[in-house]
Amino acid sequence: MNHARLPALTIVHISDLHGRTRFLNGSLHRLINDWQPDLVCVTGDLAQHPEQLEGVMKEIARIRAKDGIFFVPGNYEREELRGFRKRKYPKDTYNRMKQVWQQSMIVLENSGASLSYHTGKLEVYGFDNSEYGNERYTGEHDGKGKEKAFTLFLAHSPNIISSIKRHELTADLLLTGHTHGGQIRILGKTAGAYKHFHIGAKADQQVGIFAISRGLGTTKIPVRMHCFPEVTIYRINKDEKR
């Protein structure tokens, strides 16, 4: 990706950990730090239940991002899964978890942050669609901001694209997760509720690039098939080769 008003930047996107922080090729923080990221974006679903949160946050605290780690909540920040049953968290439980997140990450709940560089700005806005209908746009972005700043939208669910288009918002990059890429793929196709969504990144007239991560963990059943866990790297104004 290229943008005339930004320096060379590396953005790392992770999503849907569901308590998982170690993989065959290493721990999560080592995999990310190897890229020397400027920004790390985490699009929700850190843990299946509160007992996993401490371990996940210890791992995230080891991530080194020059300009910060940005987080938007997912549905598993609002509810937990025990067996096959979900239970919604009371508000005070959510608020306690939020205090933990804020120790290592910049939490965006229908809010934004601005990063200034010597050549221009990067605007990050996080939609809270951890519960459908909860998302709001409270910024001043009017669709003309792309001339002045690189605009990065974050949301947990790719369903946010409907709200973005309805309100005629524009961006350069939209990062989402939630679908797990289907978690189980058959003949290269997603099965289940999110089969109408793509996986990976595709060009989009409204948001420049619309990306849906396969995520890192699993939910309901601890199985992935033909759908590897994913840490995604976006390099702005950098040679594709590393």
C-alpha atoms as a PDB file:
ATOM      1  CA  MET A   1       0.000   0.000   0.000  1.00  0.00           C
ATOM      2  CA  ASN A   2       1.125   3.542  -0.693  1.00  0.00           C
ATOM      3  CA  HIS A   3       0.048   6.894   0.712  1.00  0.00           C
ATOM      4  CA  ALA A   4       1.765  10.136  -0.228  1.00  0.00           C
ATOM      5  CA  ARG A   5       1.374  11.804   3.176  1.00  0.00           C
ATOM      6  CA  LEU A   6       2.670   9.006   5.396  1.00  0.00           C
ATOM      7  CA  PRO A   7       6.144   7.709   6.181  1.00  0.00           C
ATOM      8  CA  ALA A   8       6.953   4.028   5.804  1.00  0.00           C
ATOM      9  CA  LEU A   9       4.775   2.135   8.319  1.00  0.00           C
ATOM     10  CA  THR A  10       4.085  -1.461   9.294  1.00  0.00           C
ATOM     11  CA  ILE A  11       0.618  -2.302  10.647  1.00  0.00           C
ATOM     12  CA  VAL A  12      -0.039  -5.717  12.206  1.00  0.00           C
ATOM     13  CA  HIS A  13      -3.615  -7.020  12.506  1.00  0.00           C
ATOM     14  CA  ILE A  14      -4.694  -9.829  14.834  1.00  0.00           C
ATOM     15  CA  SER A  15      -8.172 -10.960  15.780  1.00  0.00           C
ATOM     16  CA  ASP A  16     -10.184 -13.642  17.576  1.00  0.00           C
ATOM     17  CA  LEU A  17      -7.530 -15.092  19.885  1.00  0.00           C
ATOM     18  CA  HIS A  18     -10.109 -16.911  22.038  1.00  0.00           C
ATOM     19  CA  GLY A  19      -7.389 -17.491  24.609  1.00  0.00           C
ATOM     20  CA  ARG A  20      -4.730 -18.772  22.226  1.00  0.00           C
ATOM     21  CA  THR A  21      -1.258 -17.183  22.375  1.00  0.00           C
ATOM     22  CA  ARG A  22       1.146 -19.958  21.311  1.00  0.00           C
ATOM     23  CA  PHE A  23       1.541 -21.655  17.947  1.00  0.00           C
ATOM     24  CA  LEU A  24       3.810 -24.209  16.264  1.00  0.00           C
ATOM     25  CA  ASN A  25       6.079 -21.404  15.018  1.00  0.00           C
ATOM     26  CA  GLY A  26       6.288 -19.535  18.339  1.00  0.00           C
ATOM     27  CA  SER A  27       4.531 -17.303  20.814  1.00  0.00           C
ATOM     28  CA  LEU A  28       2.311 -14.526  19.531  1.00  0.00           C
ATOM     29  CA  HIS A  29       4.417 -11.627  20.798  1.00  0.00           C
ATOM     30  CA  ARG A  30       7.550 -12.999  19.131  1.00  0.00           C
ATOM     31  CA  LEU A  31       5.766 -13.492  15.822  1.00  0.00           C
ATOM     32  CA  ILE A  32       4.552  -9.889  15.914  1.00  0.00           C
ATOM     33  CA  ASN A  33       7.698  -8.228  17.300  1.00  0.00           C
ATOM     34  CA  ASP A  34       9.759  -9.802  14.546  1.00  0.00           C
ATOM     35  CA  TRP A  35       8.049  -7.372  12.162  1.00  0.00           C
ATOM     36  CA  GLN A  36       8.965  -4.313  14.284  1.00  0.00           C
ATOM     37  CA  PRO A  37       5.434  -2.915  13.901  1.00  0.00           C
ATOM     38  CA  ASP A  38       4.461   0.729  14.140  1.00  0.00           C
ATOM     39  CA  LEU A  39       0.832  -0.129  14.963  1.00  0.00           C
ATOM     40  CA  VAL A  40      -0.841  -3.301  16.126  1.00  0.00           C
ATOM     41  CA  CYS A  41      -4.617  -3.574  15.682  1.00  0.00           C
ATOM     42  CA  VAL A  42      -6.609  -6.127  17.692  1.00  0.00           C
ATOM     43  CA  THR A  43     -10.198  -6.600  16.541  1.00  0.00           C
ATOM     44  CA  GLY A  44     -11.780  -8.378  19.470  1.00  0.00           C
ATOM     45  CA  ASP A  45     -12.532 -11.767  21.048  1.00  0.00           C
ATOM     46  CA  LEU A  46      -9.470 -12.033  23.285  1.00  0.00           C
ATOM     47  CA  ALA A  47     -10.784 -14.870  25.463  1.00  0.00           C
ATOM     48  CA  GLN A  48     -13.563 -17.429  25.679  1.00  0.00           C
ATOM     49  CA  HIS A  49     -14.039 -16.736  29.409  1.00  0.00           C
ATOM     50  CA  PRO A  50     -12.479 -14.426  32.057  1.00  0.00           C
ATOM     51  CA  GLU A  51      -9.999 -17.001  33.375  1.00  0.00           C
ATOM     52  CA  GLN A  52      -8.106 -16.809  30.067  1.00  0.00           C
ATOM     53  CA  LEU A  53      -7.817 -13.031  30.030  1.00  0.00           C
ATOM     54  CA  GLU A  54      -4.793 -12.721  32.332  1.00  0.00           C
ATOM     55  CA  GLY A  55      -2.675 -15.007  30.161  1.00  0.00           C
ATOM     56  CA  VAL A  56      -3.745 -13.251  26.961  1.00  0.00           C
ATOM     57  CA  MET A  57      -2.989  -9.810  28.373  1.00  0.00           C
ATOM     58  CA  LYS A  58       0.450 -10.920  29.605  1.00  0.00           C
ATOM     59  CA  GLU A  59       1.226 -11.920  26.038  1.00  0.00           C
ATOM     60  CA  ILE A  60      -0.126  -8.688  24.559  1.00  0.00           C
ATOM     61  CA  ALA A  61       1.920  -6.672  27.083  1.00  0.00           C
ATOM     62  CA  ARG A  62       5.043  -8.195  25.497  1.00  0.00           C
ATOM     63  CA  ILE A  63       4.168  -6.794  22.076  1.00  0.00           C
ATOM     64  CA  ARG A  64       6.255  -3.772  21.081  1.00  0.00           C
ATOM     65  CA  ALA A  65       4.445  -1.345  18.787  1.00  0.00           C
ATOM     66  CA  LYS A  66       6.040   2.072  18.278  1.00  0.00           C
ATOM     67  CA  ASP A  67       2.762   3.967  17.954  1.00  0.00           C
ATOM     68  CA  GLY A  68       0.503   1.795  20.083  1.00  0.00           C
ATOM     69  CA  ILE A  69      -1.779  -1.214  20.201  1.00  0.00           C
ATOM     70  CA  PHE A  70      -5.372  -0.378  19.249  1.00  0.00           C
ATOM     71  CA  PHE A  71      -8.277  -2.554  20.355  1.00  0.00           C
ATOM     72  CA  VAL A  72     -11.979  -2.808  19.570  1.00  0.00           C
ATOM     73  CA  PRO A  73     -14.191  -5.199  21.581  1.00  0.00           C
ATOM     74  CA  GLY A  74     -15.783  -8.272  20.077  1.00  0.00           C
ATOM     75  CA  ASN A  75     -18.831 -10.263  21.110  1.00  0.00           C
ATOM     76  CA  TYR A  76     -16.690 -12.335  23.511  1.00  0.00           C
ATOM     77  CA  GLU A  77     -15.889  -9.147  25.382  1.00  0.00           C
ATOM     78  CA  ARG A  78     -19.646  -8.978  26.066  1.00  0.00           C
ATOM     79  CA  GLU A  79     -20.293 -12.656  26.710  1.00  0.00           C
ATOM     80  CA  GLU A  80     -18.539 -15.909  27.638  1.00  0.00           C
ATOM     81  CA  LEU A  81     -18.887 -19.435  26.325  1.00  0.00           C
ATOM     82  CA  ARG A  82     -19.136 -22.371  28.764  1.00  0.00           C
ATOM     83  CA  GLY A  83     -19.455 -25.594  26.839  1.00  0.00           C
ATOM     84  CA  PHE A  84     -21.980 -24.652  24.168  1.00  0.00           C
ATOM     85  CA  ARG A  85     -23.851 -22.102  26.288  1.00  0.00           C
ATOM     86  CA  LYS A  86     -23.268 -18.363  26.184  1.00  0.00           C
ATOM     87  CA  ARG A  87     -23.752 -16.003  29.105  1.00  0.00           C
ATOM     88  CA  LYS A  88     -23.800 -12.233  28.810  1.00  0.00           C
ATOM     89  CA  TYR A  89     -21.475 -10.362  31.153  1.00  0.00           C
ATOM     90  CA  PRO A  90     -22.917  -7.890  33.665  1.00  0.00           C
ATOM     91  CA  LYS A  91     -21.881  -4.300  32.996  1.00  0.00           C
ATOM     92  CA  ASP A  92     -19.524  -4.188  35.990  1.00  0.00           C
ATOM     93  CA  THR A  93     -17.669  -7.280  34.705  1.00  0.00           C
ATOM     94  CA  TYR A  94     -17.235  -5.626  31.316  1.00  0.00           C
ATOM     95  CA  ASN A  95     -15.935  -2.448  32.958  1.00  0.00           C
ATOM     96  CA  ARG A  96     -13.408  -4.417  35.048  1.00  0.00           C
ATOM     97  CA  MET A  97     -12.128  -6.181  31.948  1.00  0.00           C
ATOM     98  CA  LYS A  98     -11.887  -2.857  30.142  1.00  0.00           C
ATOM     99  CA  GLN A  99      -9.569  -1.566  32.855  1.00  0.00           C
ATOM    100  CA  VAL A 100      -7.327  -4.565  32.208  1.00  0.00           C
ATOM    101  CA  TRP A 101      -7.318  -3.983  28.437  1.00  0.00           C
ATOM    102  CA  GLN A 102      -6.403  -0.338  28.931  1.00  0.00           C
ATOM    103  CA  GLN A 103      -3.201  -1.271  30.733  1.00  0.00           C
ATOM    104  CA  SER A 104      -1.671  -2.455  27.445  1.00  0.00           C
ATOM    105  CA  MET A 105      -3.946  -1.199  24.655  1.00  0.00           C
ATOM    106  CA  ILE A 106      -5.790   1.874  23.454  1.00  0.00           C
ATOM    107  CA  VAL A 107      -9.445   0.850  23.636  1.00  0.00           C
ATOM    108  CA  LEU A 108     -11.669   2.335  20.928  1.00  0.00           C
ATOM    109  CA  GLU A 109     -15.428   2.050  21.519  1.00  0.00           C
ATOM    110  CA  ASN A 110     -17.034   4.195  18.837  1.00  0.00           C
ATOM    111  CA  SER A 111     -14.095   6.558  19.180  1.00  0.00           C
ATOM    112  CA  GLY A 112     -10.922   7.486  17.372  1.00  0.00           C
ATOM    113  CA  ALA A 113      -7.283   8.416  17.756  1.00  0.00           C
ATOM    114  CA  SER A 114      -5.000  10.523  15.613  1.00  0.00           C
ATOM    115  CA  LEU A 115      -1.325   9.844  14.931  1.00  0.00           C
ATOM    116  CA  SER A 116       0.766  12.693  13.558  1.00  0.00           C
ATOM    117  CA  TYR A 117       3.856  12.237  11.431  1.00  0.00           C
ATOM    118  CA  HIS A 118       6.126  14.805   9.848  1.00  0.00           C
ATOM    119  CA  THR A 119       4.428  14.244   6.479  1.00  0.00           C
ATOM    120  CA  GLY A 120       0.792  13.824   7.546  1.00  0.00           C
ATOM    121  CA  LYS A 121      -1.710  12.073   9.800  1.00  0.00           C
ATOM    122  CA  LEU A 122      -3.125   8.623  10.334  1.00  0.00           C
ATOM    123  CA  GLU A 123      -6.651   8.562  11.756  1.00  0.00           C
ATOM    124  CA  VAL A 124      -7.741   5.373  13.534  1.00  0.00           C
ATOM    125  CA  TYR A 125     -11.432   4.891  14.314  1.00  0.00           C
ATOM    126  CA  GLY A 126     -12.832   1.891  16.151  1.00  0.00           C
ATOM    127  CA  PHE A 127     -16.478   0.865  15.811  1.00  0.00           C
ATOM    128  CA  ASP A 128     -17.955  -1.037  18.742  1.00  0.00           C
ATOM    129  CA  ASN A 129     -20.150  -3.625  17.044  1.00  0.00           C
ATOM    130  CA  SER A 130     -19.556  -6.204  19.767  1.00  0.00           C
ATOM    131  CA  GLU A 131     -23.355  -6.103  19.972  1.00  0.00           C
ATOM    132  CA  TYR A 132     -25.146  -5.459  16.708  1.00  0.00           C
ATOM    133  CA  GLY A 133     -26.697  -2.024  16.630  1.00  0.00           C
ATOM    134  CA  ASN A 134     -24.146  -0.693  19.132  1.00  0.00           C
ATOM    135  CA  GLU A 135     -21.868   0.802  16.482  1.00  0.00           C
ATOM    136  CA  ARG A 136     -21.796   4.591  16.136  1.00  0.00           C
ATOM    137  CA  TYR A 137     -19.696   7.050  14.208  1.00  0.00           C
ATOM    138  CA  THR A 138     -18.803   9.984  16.447  1.00  0.00           C
ATOM    139  CA  GLY A 139     -15.890  11.434  14.481  1.00  0.00           C
ATOM    140  CA  GLU A 140     -15.666  14.358  12.134  1.00  0.00           C
ATOM    141  CA  HIS A 141     -14.756  12.314   9.107  1.00  0.00           C
ATOM    142  CA  ASP A 142     -16.829  13.553   6.179  1.00  0.00           C
ATOM    143  CA  GLY A 143     -15.514  11.423   3.374  1.00  0.00           C
ATOM    144  CA  LYS A 144     -12.939  14.030   2.350  1.00  0.00           C
ATOM    145  CA  GLY A 145     -10.358  13.129   4.967  1.00  0.00           C
ATOM    146  CA  LYS A 146      -8.463  10.803   2.650  1.00  0.00           C
ATOM    147  CA  GLU A 147      -6.879  13.909   1.052  1.00  0.00           C
ATOM    148  CA  LYS A 148      -5.389  14.900   4.425  1.00  0.00           C
ATOM    149  CA  ALA A 149      -4.962  11.683   6.369  1.00  0.00           C
ATOM    150  CA  PHE A 150      -4.776   7.955   5.993  1.00  0.00           C
ATOM    151  CA  THR A 151      -8.002   6.651   7.533  1.00  0.00           C
ATOM    152  CA  LEU A 152      -8.021   3.271   9.246  1.00  0.00           C
ATOM    153  CA  PHE A 153     -11.318   1.751  10.432  1.00  0.00           C
ATOM    154  CA  LEU A 154     -11.434  -1.108  12.952  1.00  0.00           C
ATOM    155  CA  ALA A 155     -14.413  -3.299  13.859  1.00  0.00           C
ATOM    156  CA  HIS A 156     -14.918  -6.806  15.135  1.00  0.00           C
ATOM    157  CA  SER A 157     -17.584  -7.969  12.714  1.00  0.00           C
ATOM    158  CA  PRO A 158     -17.420  -7.376   8.955  1.00  0.00           C
ATOM    159  CA  ASN A 159     -21.138  -6.580   9.128  1.00  0.00           C
ATOM    160  CA  ILE A 160     -19.924  -3.040   9.908  1.00  0.00           C
ATOM    161  CA  ILE A 161     -19.598  -2.511   6.161  1.00  0.00           C
ATOM    162  CA  SER A 162     -23.383  -2.081   5.940  1.00  0.00           C
ATOM    163  CA  SER A 163     -23.333   0.798   8.435  1.00  0.00           C
ATOM    164  CA  ILE A 164     -20.304   2.383   6.760  1.00  0.00           C
ATOM    165  CA  LYS A 165     -22.026   2.372   3.389  1.00  0.00           C
ATOM    166  CA  ARG A 166     -25.344   3.511   4.821  1.00  0.00           C
ATOM    167  CA  HIS A 167     -23.663   6.570   6.355  1.00  0.00           C
ATOM    168  CA  GLU A 168     -21.465   7.117   3.287  1.00  0.00           C
ATOM    169  CA  LEU A 169     -18.216   7.003   5.252  1.00  0.00           C
ATOM    170  CA  THR A 170     -14.928   6.397   3.488  1.00  0.00           C
ATOM    171  CA  ALA A 171     -11.555   5.076   4.577  1.00  0.00           C
ATOM    172  CA  ASP A 172      -8.309   3.708   3.201  1.00  0.00           C
ATOM    173  CA  LEU A 173      -8.350   0.444   5.147  1.00  0.00           C
ATOM    174  CA  LEU A 174     -10.979  -1.497   7.140  1.00  0.00           C
ATOM    175  CA  LEU A 175      -9.779  -4.311   9.422  1.00  0.00           C
ATOM    176  CA  THR A 176     -12.270  -6.828  10.845  1.00  0.00           C
ATOM    177  CA  GLY A 177     -12.439 -10.423  12.091  1.00  0.00           C
ATOM    178  CA  HIS A 178     -15.213 -12.466  13.739  1.00  0.00           C
ATOM    179  CA  THR A 179     -15.836 -15.001  10.960  1.00  0.00           C
ATOM    180  CA  HIS A 180     -12.684 -17.123  11.553  1.00  0.00           C
ATOM    181  CA  GLY A 181     -12.698 -17.560   7.789  1.00  0.00           C
ATOM    182  CA  GLY A 182     -15.418 -20.103   8.505  1.00  0.00           C
ATOM    183  CA  GLN A 183     -12.897 -22.018  10.696  1.00  0.00           C
ATOM    184  CA  ILE A 184     -13.686 -25.086   8.585  1.00  0.00           C
ATOM    185  CA  ARG A 185     -13.374 -24.669   4.832  1.00  0.00           C
ATOM    186  CA  ILE A 186     -14.498 -27.230   2.297  1.00  0.00           C
ATOM    187  CA  LEU A 187     -13.170 -27.106  -1.271  1.00  0.00           C
ATOM    188  CA  GLY A 188     -11.890 -23.586  -0.627  1.00  0.00           C
ATOM    189  CA  LYS A 189     -15.275 -22.300   0.474  1.00  0.00           C
ATOM    190  CA  THR A 190     -16.545 -21.052   3.817  1.00  0.00           C
ATOM    191  CA  ALA A 191     -19.284 -23.074   5.447  1.00  0.00           C
ATOM    192  CA  GLY A 192     -21.826 -21.708   7.897  1.00  0.00           C
ATOM    193  CA  ALA A 193     -23.266 -18.336   8.802  1.00  0.00           C
ATOM    194  CA  TYR A 194     -20.588 -16.154   7.187  1.00  0.00           C
ATOM    195  CA  LYS A 195     -20.232 -17.882   3.847  1.00  0.00           C
ATOM    196  CA  HIS A 196     -21.336 -14.688   2.081  1.00  0.00           C
ATOM    197  CA  PHE A 197     -18.197 -12.883   3.314  1.00  0.00           C
ATOM    198  CA  HIS A 198     -14.774 -13.103   1.694  1.00  0.00           C
ATOM    199  CA  ILE A 199     -11.637 -13.896   3.677  1.00  0.00           C
ATOM    200  CA  GLY A 200      -8.460 -11.854   3.435  1.00  0.00           C
ATOM    201  CA  ALA A 201      -8.287  -8.429   1.812  1.00  0.00           C
ATOM    202  CA  LYS A 202     -10.139  -7.146  -1.223  1.00  0.00           C
ATOM    203  CA  ALA A 203     -10.498  -3.766  -2.890  1.00  0.00           C
ATOM    204  CA  ASP A 204     -13.600  -1.834  -1.926  1.00  0.00           C
ATOM    205  CA  GLN A 205     -14.809   1.492  -3.273  1.00  0.00           C
ATOM    206  CA  GLN A 206     -15.988   2.679   0.156  1.00  0.00           C
ATOM    207  CA  VAL A 207     -13.084   1.682   2.401  1.00  0.00           C
ATOM    208  CA  GLY A 208     -10.174   1.222  -0.002  1.00  0.00           C
ATOM    209  CA  ILE A 209      -9.223  -2.241   1.258  1.00  0.00           C
ATOM    210  CA  PHE A 210     -11.758  -4.343   3.184  1.00  0.00           C
ATOM    211  CA  ALA A 211      -9.957  -7.026   5.209  1.00  0.00           C
ATOM    212  CA  ILE A 212     -11.444  -9.936   7.154  1.00  0.00           C
ATOM    213  CA  SER A 213      -8.951 -11.886   9.251  1.00  0.00           C
ATOM    214  CA  ARG A 214      -9.188 -15.652   9.736  1.00  0.00           C
ATOM    215  CA  GLY A 215      -8.214 -14.961  13.338  1.00  0.00           C
ATOM    216  CA  LEU A 216      -5.989 -16.970  15.649  1.00  0.00           C
ATOM    217  CA  GLY A 217      -8.163 -19.134  17.865  1.00  0.00           C
ATOM    218  CA  THR A 218     -11.216 -21.313  17.574  1.00  0.00           C
ATOM    219  CA  THR A 219     -14.672 -21.231  19.092  1.00  0.00           C
ATOM    220  CA  LYS A 220     -17.361 -23.849  19.817  1.00  0.00           C
ATOM    221  CA  ILE A 221     -15.139 -26.667  18.535  1.00  0.00           C
ATOM    222  CA  PRO A 222     -11.302 -26.547  18.819  1.00  0.00           C
ATOM    223  CA  VAL A 223     -10.750 -27.431  15.178  1.00  0.00           C
ATOM    224  CA  ARG A 224      -9.611 -25.620  12.053  1.00  0.00           C
ATOM    225  CA  MET A 225      -9.692 -27.296   8.668  1.00  0.00           C
ATOM    226  CA  HIS A 226      -8.060 -25.796   5.571  1.00  0.00           C
ATOM    227  CA  CYS A 227      -8.118 -22.449   7.399  1.00  0.00           C
ATOM    228  CA  PHE A 228      -4.849 -21.591   9.133  1.00  0.00           C
ATOM    229  CA  PRO A 229      -4.648 -19.022  11.955  1.00  0.00           C
ATOM    230  CA  GLU A 230      -3.509 -15.644  10.736  1.00  0.00           C
ATOM    231  CA  VAL A 231      -1.363 -12.663  11.676  1.00  0.00           C
ATOM    232  CA  THR A 232      -1.723 -10.103   8.883  1.00  0.00           C
ATOM    233  CA  ILE A 233       0.907  -7.516   7.957  1.00  0.00           C
ATOM    234  CA  TYR A 234       0.140  -4.284   6.084  1.00  0.00           C
ATOM    235  CA  ARG A 235       3.152  -2.360   4.863  1.00  0.00           C
ATOM    236  CA  ILE A 236       2.579   1.253   3.841  1.00  0.00           C
ATOM    237  CA  ASN A 237       5.124   2.930   1.596  1.00  0.00           C
ATOM    238  CA  LYS A 238       7.482  -0.037   1.979  1.00  0.00           C
ATOM    239  CA  ASP A 239       8.924  -2.475  -0.497  1.00  0.00           C
ATOM    240  CA  GLU A 240       6.825  -5.647  -0.535  1.00  0.00           C
ATOM    241  CA  LYS A 241       9.981  -7.691   0.011  1.00  0.00           C
ATOM    242  CA  ARG A 242      11.369  -7.947   3.535  1.00  0.00           C
END
